[in-house]
Amino acid sequence: MVSATTKQNSTKNPHDTPQSSSKRVRYGVVGLGYIAQVAVLPAFRHAQENSELVALISDDETKRAKLAKKYNVCKTYGYE
């Protein structure tokens, strides 16, 4: 009986392994209007396993502060 073996490459492709929690996708939301508040931000909240909301961008300082508190986001920016 002949046994065949293959030499495995010691360099692993990072795309072949499950994504670790330290390599989550980070994103910001630009524009905090109606669609962002009722659809985008709530939907992203369900994706916390593999992503993280890190910034909110809007000219409305009150809206930025309110949503930053609600979604636990430390970084907020205006358009300027």
Foldseek 3Di string as FASTA:
>chain_A
DDDDDDDDDPDDDPVVDDDDLVQAAEDEDADCDDCCVPPVVVVVVVVNSRYYYAEYEAQDPVSRVVVCVVRVHDYYYYPD
